[in-house]
Amino acid sequence: MIDINLLREHPELFKKAAVSKKIEEFDPKKILDLDEQRRNLIQKIEAIKAEKNKASKEIPNLQEAEKQKAIQKMQEIGGNQKDLEEKLNHIENDLKKLLLRAPGIPSKETPEGKDDTENIELYKQGVLPKFDFQIKDHVELGEKLDIIDIKRGVKISGSRFYFLKGDGARLEMAVLMYTLNKLVSKGFTPFIVPLLVGYEAMMGTSYFPGGEEQAYALGVDKESNGQIISDEKYLIGTSEVSVTSYHRDEILKEEELPKLYCGISPCFRREAGTYGKDTHGLYRIHQFQKIEQVIICKNDEKESQKMHAMILKNAEEVLQDLELPYRVVAVCTGDMGQGQYYKNDIETWMPSRNSYGETHSCSTFHDFQARRLNLKYKDKDGQIKFCHTLNNTCIASPRILIPILEIYQNQDGSVTIPKVLRDYMGGKEKIEKK
């Protein structure tokens, strides 16, 4: 949610942000017109209330005839007040719907661009691997090692589903637990979160409205192909939804901030609009596991920058520990979400693609999510302010298994396990064909 006072002062900035973020359903003039109607109605209602309060004090002292006239007048005024309040309620509902589609203004550091092809590389880390043999991609490796089974995943659940089995399952759990322990050592509180959430959580974190087609909605179908009755619950696409909503409608204390949280969860995405894109292997799938860093901090630009740098560094350290080469990009306006103020992606080298593939995202929202969640804190001077929120993918699997399997593969088809993960796999050094 945006600050409507800022929209009144700088409607041109929001109009530009909507264009650059490709948000079509946004009309600042309509919002401001409704806002003016809302304020005029509030003034009229407050004037009626003041008149009624004044009359309630005067009526007891009037003569009977005058008293009856005054009472009748107050009844008429009361009817007018009810009509105005009903009108105000409709306008406020319409205004809220429009404000929920309003974009957050991106930072000045955010590059302009139409899509991910116009993201800007900031720096690279690590040395690209060289092989003296014909490499296999992660699917071929996984199938021959009997640790990935996509065919049976499709048989059970449809396209973009899979099984990890044996050492494939253990490798995923190893990289997740390694990452989780690393974050805990840095002071993060881990969460196992609800996977099903209500509309308010999806709206509060700015996934709804506008992103409904990407989410799985839960319901019951009592007969085959019958009418589905909604449970009004949605499967999360990231634990950010649950963790960021954790303090919804609360007022925190400044001395409690920042809150350093990390959620570990399965995640579910419909990937609508990606038909025919990245269909091979484990890159773009409907179900995966992720550890998400979530920060709630005070409403301060420098504090947000500091937190952004910290959680980005945490994700980079995991890749460095795994000895995987990567690059960091500044995400352009056309590749950003509605409320994101600044965003970096980390792209890890994937030999079979002969390119870097996105594995992590790091986003600063300022108070955009906090306004929608009514998430506030009391500062040292006693003032109530909206918090700032940030989040970052510290690890997501099985996508991260693509570079691990492909970079660590050996000529004989085995895969060397990264050193930092071996203790999580019982000291095992290689995944080999049984």
Protein backbone atom coordinates (compact mmCIF):
# COMPACT_ATOMS: atom_id res chain seq x y z
CA MET A 1 0.00 0.00 0.00
CA ILE A 2 1.25 3.48 -0.78
CA ASP A 3 1.08 6.65 1.27
CA ILE A 4 -1.84 8.55 -0.26
CA ASN A 5 -0.36 11.83 0.98
CA LEU A 6 2.64 11.16 -1.26
CA LEU A 7 0.32 10.41 -4.17
CA ARG A 8 -1.44 13.75 -3.67
CA GLU A 9 1.90 15.55 -3.75
CA HIS A 10 3.59 13.60 -6.58
CA PRO A 11 1.07 11.79 -8.78
CA GLU A 12 3.50 11.94 -11.71
CA LEU A 13 6.02 9.73 -9.84
CA PHE A 14 3.43 7.00 -9.34
CA LYS A 15 2.26 7.25 -12.93
CA LYS A 16 5.84 6.79 -14.10
CA ALA A 17 6.34 3.86 -11.69
CA ALA A 18 3.22 2.14 -13.03
CA VAL A 19 4.45 2.43 -16.60
CA SER A 20 7.98 1.23 -15.79
CA LYS A 21 6.65 -1.71 -13.71
CA LYS A 22 4.06 -2.57 -16.35
CA ILE A 23 1.09 -2.09 -14.02
CA GLU A 24 -1.83 -1.26 -16.27
CA GLU A 25 -4.74 -1.11 -13.80
CA PHE A 26 -3.67 2.11 -12.12
CA ASP A 27 -5.34 5.50 -12.53
CA PRO A 28 -3.99 8.16 -10.13
CA LYS A 29 -6.67 10.67 -11.18
CA LYS A 30 -9.47 8.29 -10.28
CA ILE A 31 -7.84 7.61 -6.92
CA LEU A 32 -7.44 11.31 -6.15
CA ASP A 33 -11.03 12.05 -7.22
CA LEU A 34 -12.33 9.35 -4.87
CA ASP A 35 -10.03 10.61 -2.14
CA GLU A 36 -11.47 14.12 -2.48
CA GLN A 37 -15.02 12.75 -2.35
CA ARG A 38 -14.07 10.75 0.74
CA ARG A 39 -12.66 13.78 2.53
CA ASN A 40 -15.71 15.93 1.65
CA LEU A 41 -18.05 13.25 2.99
CA ILE A 42 -16.04 12.95 6.20
CA GLN A 43 -16.31 16.72 6.71
CA LYS A 44 -20.08 16.61 6.21
CA ILE A 45 -20.48 13.68 8.61
CA GLU A 46 -18.32 15.37 11.23
CA ALA A 47 -20.38 18.58 10.87
CA ILE A 48 -23.59 16.57 11.44
CA LYS A 49 -22.09 14.90 14.51
CA ALA A 50 -21.09 18.29 15.91
CA GLU A 51 -24.59 19.66 15.31
CA LYS A 52 -26.18 16.63 17.00
CA ASN A 53 -23.86 16.95 20.00
CA LYS A 54 -24.75 20.62 20.34
CA ALA A 55 -28.48 19.88 20.05
CA SER A 56 -28.32 17.09 22.65
CA LYS A 57 -27.11 19.63 25.18
CA GLU A 58 -29.71 22.30 24.23
CA ILE A 59 -32.87 20.16 23.78
CA PRO A 60 -33.41 19.38 27.50
CA ASN A 61 -33.69 23.15 28.20
CA LEU A 62 -36.25 23.90 25.45
CA GLN A 63 -40.00 24.36 25.76
CA GLU A 64 -42.05 21.30 24.78
CA ALA A 65 -43.08 22.58 21.33
CA GLU A 66 -39.56 23.70 20.46
CA LYS A 67 -38.20 20.46 21.88
CA GLN A 68 -40.37 18.36 19.51
CA LYS A 69 -39.27 20.42 16.51
CA ALA A 70 -35.62 20.03 17.50
CA ILE A 71 -36.03 16.28 17.98
CA GLN A 72 -37.68 15.94 14.56
CA LYS A 73 -34.86 17.93 12.99
CA MET A 74 -32.27 15.69 14.65
CA GLN A 75 -34.07 12.61 13.29
CA GLU A 76 -33.86 14.07 9.77
CA ILE A 77 -30.19 14.90 10.27
CA GLY A 78 -29.61 11.37 11.58
CA GLY A 79 -31.12 9.98 8.37
CA ASN A 80 -28.84 12.19 6.30
CA GLN A 81 -25.86 10.99 8.32
CA LYS A 82 -26.74 7.35 7.65
CA ASP A 83 -26.99 8.01 3.90
CA LEU A 84 -23.66 9.81 3.89
CA GLU A 85 -21.97 7.04 5.89
CA GLU A 86 -23.23 4.39 3.47
CA LYS A 87 -21.91 6.43 0.56
CA LEU A 88 -18.60 6.91 2.39
CA ASN A 89 -18.32 3.16 2.98
CA HIS A 90 -18.75 2.43 -0.75
CA ILE A 91 -16.20 5.08 -1.71
CA GLU A 92 -13.66 3.82 0.83
CA ASN A 93 -14.03 0.25 -0.47
CA ASP A 94 -13.54 1.43 -4.07
CA LEU A 95 -10.59 3.57 -3.00
CA LYS A 96 -8.93 0.66 -1.17
CA LYS A 97 -9.23 -1.58 -4.25
CA LEU A 98 -7.53 1.05 -6.40
CA LEU A 99 -4.81 1.75 -3.83
CA LEU A 100 -4.01 -1.97 -3.63
CA ARG A 101 -3.06 -1.85 -7.31
CA ALA A 102 -0.87 1.23 -6.91
CA PRO A 103 2.87 0.68 -7.44
CA GLY A 104 5.66 1.44 -5.04
CA ILE A 105 8.14 3.95 -6.44
CA PRO A 106 11.45 2.23 -7.27
CA SER A 107 14.76 3.60 -6.00
CA LYS A 108 16.92 5.91 -8.10
CA GLU A 109 19.49 3.09 -8.27
CA THR A 110 17.01 0.78 -10.01
CA PRO A 111 17.76 0.57 -13.74
CA GLU A 112 14.98 1.21 -16.24
CA GLY A 113 14.16 -1.80 -18.39
CA LYS A 114 11.38 -3.86 -19.88
CA ASP A 115 12.26 -7.36 -18.59
CA ASP A 116 15.04 -9.56 -17.17
CA THR A 117 17.13 -9.16 -20.34
CA GLU A 118 17.76 -5.56 -19.24
CA ASN A 119 18.93 -6.32 -15.70
CA ILE A 120 22.42 -4.95 -15.12
CA GLU A 121 25.32 -7.09 -13.96
CA LEU A 122 27.06 -5.58 -10.93
CA TYR A 123 29.83 -8.13 -10.29
CA LYS A 124 30.87 -11.76 -10.61
CA GLN A 125 32.34 -14.14 -8.08
CA GLY A 126 34.15 -17.44 -8.60
CA VAL A 127 35.85 -19.19 -11.50
CA LEU A 128 33.80 -20.93 -14.16
CA PRO A 129 34.49 -24.68 -14.31
CA LYS A 130 36.36 -26.30 -17.20
CA PHE A 131 35.80 -29.91 -18.16
CA ASP A 132 38.02 -32.23 -20.20
CA PHE A 133 35.11 -34.57 -20.93
CA GLN A 134 31.60 -34.34 -22.40
CA ILE A 135 29.42 -33.05 -19.58
CA LYS A 136 25.93 -34.24 -18.69
CA ASP A 137 23.10 -32.01 -17.57
CA HIS A 138 21.48 -32.43 -14.16
CA VAL A 139 18.62 -34.54 -15.52
CA GLU A 140 20.89 -37.09 -17.17
CA LEU A 141 23.13 -37.17 -14.10
CA GLY A 142 20.17 -37.52 -11.77
CA GLU A 143 18.55 -40.29 -13.77
CA LYS A 144 21.73 -42.33 -14.12
CA LEU A 145 22.50 -41.93 -10.42
CA ASP A 146 18.85 -42.78 -9.63
CA ILE A 147 18.39 -39.63 -7.53
CA ILE A 148 15.95 -37.69 -9.77
CA ASP A 149 12.79 -39.12 -11.32
CA ILE A 150 10.84 -36.63 -13.39
CA LYS A 151 8.81 -39.15 -15.40
CA ARG A 152 7.13 -40.60 -12.32
CA GLY A 153 6.62 -37.10 -10.88
CA VAL A 154 4.72 -36.19 -14.05
CA LYS A 155 2.81 -39.47 -13.87
CA ILE A 156 1.66 -38.71 -10.33
CA SER A 157 1.06 -34.94 -10.49
CA GLY A 158 1.43 -33.66 -14.05
CA SER A 159 4.01 -31.49 -15.77
CA ARG A 160 6.75 -29.72 -13.79
CA PHE A 161 6.63 -32.18 -10.91
CA TYR A 162 9.39 -34.61 -9.92
CA PHE A 163 10.75 -36.99 -7.31
CA LEU A 164 14.05 -36.58 -5.50
CA LYS A 165 15.12 -39.92 -4.08
CA GLY A 166 18.01 -41.49 -2.24
CA ASP A 167 21.05 -39.23 -2.19
CA GLY A 168 19.11 -36.63 -4.20
CA ALA A 169 16.71 -36.18 -1.30
CA ARG A 170 19.60 -36.20 1.16
CA LEU A 171 21.51 -33.60 -0.88
CA GLU A 172 18.54 -31.25 -0.85
CA MET A 173 18.10 -31.63 2.90
CA ALA A 174 21.85 -31.15 3.40
CA VAL A 175 21.96 -27.83 1.56
CA LEU A 176 18.82 -26.63 3.35
CA MET A 177 20.09 -27.56 6.80
CA TYR A 178 23.53 -26.11 6.13
CA THR A 179 21.92 -22.80 5.13
CA LEU A 180 19.54 -22.82 8.09
CA ASN A 181 22.34 -23.43 10.58
CA LYS A 182 24.41 -20.67 9.01
CA LEU A 183 21.57 -18.18 9.45
CA VAL A 184 20.91 -19.30 13.03
CA SER A 185 24.59 -18.69 13.81
CA LYS A 186 24.08 -15.12 12.56
CA GLY A 187 21.19 -14.48 14.94
CA PHE A 188 18.20 -15.40 12.75
CA THR A 189 15.16 -17.04 14.32
CA PRO A 190 13.99 -20.00 12.20
CA PHE A 191 10.30 -20.58 11.47
CA ILE A 192 8.41 -23.58 10.18
CA VAL A 193 5.42 -21.74 8.79
CA PRO A 194 1.77 -22.34 7.84
CA LEU A 195 1.69 -23.37 4.19
CA LEU A 196 -1.97 -22.39 3.88
CA VAL A 197 -2.83 -18.72 4.39
CA GLY A 198 -5.86 -16.49 4.03
CA TYR A 199 -6.35 -13.66 1.56
CA GLU A 200 -5.17 -11.02 4.06
CA ALA A 201 -1.68 -12.51 4.21
CA MET A 202 -1.40 -12.70 0.41
CA MET A 203 -2.73 -9.16 0.08
CA GLY A 204 -0.55 -7.86 2.90
CA THR A 205 2.65 -9.08 1.28
CA SER A 206 1.44 -7.65 -2.09
CA TYR A 207 0.97 -10.95 -3.95
CA PHE A 208 -2.77 -10.18 -4.21
CA PRO A 209 -4.48 -8.55 -5.99
CA GLY A 210 -2.74 -9.09 -9.31
CA GLY A 211 -0.95 -12.36 -8.67
CA GLU A 212 -3.90 -14.68 -8.16
CA GLU A 213 -3.17 -16.71 -11.28
CA GLN A 214 0.23 -17.72 -9.86
CA ALA A 215 -1.21 -19.12 -6.62
CA TYR A 216 -2.90 -22.44 -5.90
CA ALA A 217 -6.28 -21.84 -4.28
CA LEU A 218 -7.66 -24.57 -2.03
CA GLY A 219 -11.17 -25.96 -2.25
CA VAL A 220 -13.16 -29.16 -2.28
CA ASP A 221 -14.67 -30.85 -5.31
CA LYS A 222 -17.37 -33.20 -4.02
CA GLU A 223 -17.80 -34.93 -7.34
CA SER A 224 -15.57 -35.34 -10.36
CA ASN A 225 -15.60 -32.14 -12.44
CA GLY A 226 -18.19 -30.69 -10.08
CA GLN A 227 -18.33 -27.22 -8.56
CA ILE A 228 -15.35 -26.45 -6.36
CA ILE A 229 -16.24 -24.95 -2.99
CA SER A 230 -13.50 -22.58 -1.86
CA ASP A 231 -11.76 -23.03 1.48
CA GLU A 232 -10.57 -19.41 1.20
CA LYS A 233 -7.02 -20.62 1.69
CA TYR A 234 -3.99 -20.38 -0.59
CA LEU A 235 -0.77 -22.36 -0.79
CA ILE A 236 2.21 -20.05 -0.26
CA GLY A 237 4.76 -19.46 -2.99
CA THR A 238 7.31 -18.41 -0.39
CA SER A 239 7.52 -18.41 3.41
CA GLU A 240 7.87 -14.62 3.10
CA VAL A 241 4.06 -14.52 3.07
CA SER A 242 3.68 -16.23 6.43
CA VAL A 243 6.72 -14.77 8.17
CA THR A 244 6.21 -11.15 7.08
CA SER A 245 2.56 -11.44 8.16
CA TYR A 246 3.58 -12.80 11.58
CA HIS A 247 3.33 -9.36 13.26
CA ARG A 248 0.34 -8.11 11.25
CA ASP A 249 -1.77 -5.53 13.12
CA GLU A 250 0.89 -5.20 15.84
CA ILE A 251 2.85 -2.25 17.17
CA LEU A 252 6.42 -3.29 17.96
CA LYS A 253 8.98 -1.41 20.03
CA GLU A 254 11.93 0.24 18.30
CA GLU A 255 14.36 -1.51 20.62
CA GLU A 256 13.01 -4.87 19.33
CA LEU A 257 14.13 -4.03 15.80
CA PRO A 258 15.46 -5.32 13.55
CA LYS A 259 13.70 -8.66 13.59
CA LEU A 260 15.86 -11.28 11.87
CA TYR A 261 13.67 -14.17 10.77
CA CYS A 262 14.08 -17.07 8.35
CA GLY A 263 11.32 -19.35 7.16
CA ILE A 264 11.87 -22.87 5.85
CA SER A 265 9.01 -24.32 3.85
CA PRO A 266 7.78 -26.08 0.76
CA CYS A 267 6.61 -23.51 -1.80
CA PHE A 268 4.01 -23.80 -4.55
CA ARG A 269 3.67 -21.75 -7.74
CA ARG A 270 1.47 -22.30 -10.76
CA GLU A 271 4.00 -20.64 -13.10
CA ALA A 272 1.12 -19.30 -15.17
CA GLY A 273 2.24 -17.53 -18.32
CA THR A 274 5.45 -19.59 -18.65
CA TYR A 275 4.14 -22.23 -21.06
CA GLY A 276 7.05 -23.62 -23.04
CA LYS A 277 9.64 -21.70 -20.99
CA ASP A 278 12.40 -23.54 -19.09
CA THR A 279 10.49 -26.82 -19.33
CA HIS A 280 13.56 -29.07 -19.09
CA GLY A 281 14.57 -30.46 -15.75
CA LEU A 282 14.27 -28.81 -12.35
CA TYR A 283 14.65 -25.14 -13.24
CA ARG A 284 10.99 -24.03 -13.38
CA ILE A 285 8.71 -26.26 -11.34
CA HIS A 286 5.51 -26.09 -9.30
CA GLN A 287 6.83 -27.28 -5.92
CA PHE A 288 10.16 -26.61 -4.23
CA GLN A 289 11.73 -25.95 -0.84
CA LYS A 290 13.19 -22.66 0.23
CA ILE A 291 14.80 -20.84 3.14
CA GLU A 292 13.75 -17.21 3.07
CA GLN A 293 15.31 -14.42 5.08
CA VAL A 294 12.78 -11.84 6.30
CA ILE A 295 13.77 -8.57 7.95
CA ILE A 296 11.49 -6.16 9.82
CA CYS A 297 13.35 -2.97 10.68
CA LYS A 298 12.73 0.65 11.55
CA ASN A 299 11.54 3.17 8.99
CA ASP A 300 14.91 4.47 7.89
CA GLU A 301 16.54 4.49 4.45
CA LYS A 302 20.06 3.80 5.72
CA GLU A 303 18.83 0.99 7.96
CA SER A 304 17.09 -0.63 5.00
CA GLN A 305 20.23 -0.36 2.88
CA LYS A 306 22.27 -1.93 5.67
CA MET A 307 19.80 -4.82 6.05
CA HIS A 308 19.67 -5.36 2.27
CA ALA A 309 23.46 -5.61 2.09
CA MET A 310 23.48 -8.06 5.01
CA ILE A 311 20.93 -10.54 3.66
CA LEU A 312 22.44 -10.37 0.17
CA LYS A 313 25.85 -11.14 1.69
CA ASN A 314 24.37 -14.09 3.62
CA ALA A 315 23.11 -15.66 0.39
CA GLU A 316 26.43 -15.00 -1.35
CA GLU A 317 28.32 -16.66 1.51
CA VAL A 318 26.31 -19.85 1.05
CA LEU A 319 27.28 -19.96 -2.64
CA GLN A 320 30.89 -19.20 -1.76
CA ASP A 321 30.88 -22.01 0.81
CA LEU A 322 29.50 -24.33 -1.86
CA GLU A 323 32.20 -23.03 -4.23
CA LEU A 324 29.69 -22.18 -6.93
CA PRO A 325 30.45 -19.28 -9.32
CA TYR A 326 27.74 -16.62 -9.53
CA ARG A 327 26.96 -13.07 -10.47
CA VAL A 328 24.82 -10.37 -8.86
CA VAL A 329 22.53 -8.20 -10.99
CA ALA A 330 20.49 -5.07 -10.34
CA VAL A 331 16.94 -5.92 -11.35
CA CYS A 332 15.31 -3.44 -13.71
CA THR A 333 11.88 -1.84 -13.27
CA GLY A 334 10.14 -4.16 -15.74
CA ASP A 335 11.30 -7.24 -13.85
CA MET A 336 10.31 -5.98 -10.39
CA GLY A 337 7.25 -6.67 -8.30
CA GLN A 338 4.59 -4.07 -7.57
CA GLY A 339 5.94 -3.01 -4.20
CA GLN A 340 9.67 -3.56 -4.53
CA TYR A 341 11.86 -0.51 -3.99
CA TYR A 342 15.18 -2.10 -4.91
CA LYS A 343 16.02 -5.65 -5.95
CA ASN A 344 19.06 -7.79 -6.67
CA ASP A 345 19.08 -11.24 -8.18
CA ILE A 346 21.90 -13.73 -7.75
CA GLU A 347 22.45 -15.96 -10.78
CA THR A 348 24.52 -19.11 -10.40
CA TRP A 349 26.52 -20.68 -13.24
CA MET A 350 24.78 -23.68 -14.82
CA PRO A 351 27.07 -25.52 -17.26
CA SER A 352 24.29 -27.23 -19.23
CA ARG A 353 22.73 -23.85 -19.97
CA ASN A 354 26.16 -22.31 -20.61
CA SER A 355 24.92 -19.30 -18.69
CA TYR A 356 23.99 -17.99 -15.28
CA GLY A 357 20.53 -18.92 -14.00
CA GLU A 358 18.58 -17.07 -11.32
CA THR A 359 18.79 -18.82 -7.95
CA HIS A 360 18.21 -16.00 -5.42
CA SER A 361 16.29 -12.73 -5.12
CA CYS A 362 16.84 -9.96 -2.57
CA SER A 363 14.18 -7.25 -2.20
CA THR A 364 13.69 -4.05 -0.23
CA PHE A 365 10.09 -2.83 0.19
CA HIS A 366 10.42 0.14 2.56
CA ASP A 367 6.93 0.54 4.14
CA PHE A 368 4.93 -0.85 1.20
CA GLN A 369 4.14 -4.23 2.78
CA ALA A 370 3.93 -2.81 6.31
CA ARG A 371 1.14 -0.41 5.31
CA ARG A 372 -0.87 -3.30 3.87
CA LEU A 373 -0.19 -5.44 6.96
CA ASN A 374 -0.70 -2.58 9.43
CA LEU A 375 2.71 -3.43 10.83
CA LYS A 376 4.06 -0.58 12.98
CA TYR A 377 6.49 0.27 15.74
CA LYS A 378 6.77 2.96 18.42
CA ASP A 379 9.98 4.94 18.13
CA LYS A 380 12.04 6.37 21.00
CA ASP A 381 10.02 9.61 20.89
CA GLY A 382 6.73 7.76 21.23
CA GLN A 383 5.70 8.24 17.60
CA ILE A 384 4.01 5.38 15.74
CA LYS A 385 5.57 4.57 12.37
CA PHE A 386 5.23 1.88 9.74
CA CYS A 387 8.09 -0.63 9.68
CA HIS A 388 10.31 -1.38 6.70
CA THR A 389 10.43 -4.97 5.39
CA LEU A 390 12.95 -6.89 3.28
CA ASN A 391 13.35 -10.47 2.13
CA ASN A 392 15.88 -12.68 0.42
CA THR A 393 16.06 -16.23 -0.87
CA CYS A 394 18.99 -17.67 1.03
CA ILE A 395 18.62 -21.00 -0.76
CA ALA A 396 15.98 -22.67 -2.94
CA SER A 397 16.02 -26.31 -3.97
CA PRO A 398 15.95 -28.20 -6.25
CA ARG A 399 17.05 -25.31 -8.50
CA ILE A 400 20.32 -24.98 -6.59
CA LEU A 401 20.91 -28.69 -7.27
CA ILE A 402 21.36 -27.87 -10.96
CA PRO A 403 24.72 -26.09 -10.50
CA ILE A 404 25.78 -28.44 -7.68
CA LEU A 405 25.26 -31.59 -9.74
CA GLU A 406 26.59 -30.15 -12.99
CA ILE A 407 29.67 -28.37 -11.62
CA TYR A 408 30.66 -31.21 -9.28
CA GLN A 409 30.17 -33.99 -11.85
CA ASN A 410 33.00 -36.39 -12.69
CA GLN A 411 33.85 -38.15 -15.92
CA ASP A 412 32.54 -41.47 -14.61
CA GLY A 413 29.10 -39.94 -13.98
CA SER A 414 29.51 -39.64 -10.24
CA VAL A 415 29.05 -36.32 -8.41
CA THR A 416 31.41 -35.07 -5.71
CA ILE A 417 29.54 -33.69 -2.71
CA PRO A 418 30.60 -30.14 -1.73
CA LYS A 419 32.83 -30.28 1.34
CA VAL A 420 30.54 -28.19 3.54
CA LEU A 421 27.65 -30.62 2.97
CA ARG A 422 29.43 -33.90 3.72
CA ASP A 423 28.78 -33.88 7.46
CA TYR A 424 25.06 -33.56 6.65
CA MET A 425 25.31 -36.70 4.49
CA GLY A 426 27.06 -38.91 7.00
CA GLY A 427 30.56 -38.03 5.77
CA LYS A 428 29.84 -39.23 2.25
CA GLU A 429 32.12 -37.71 -0.40
CA LYS A 430 30.49 -38.81 -3.64
CA ILE A 431 27.15 -39.76 -5.10
CA GLU A 432 27.80 -42.79 -7.24
CA LYS A 433 25.73 -45.18 -9.27
CA LYS A 434 24.65 -48.12 -7.16
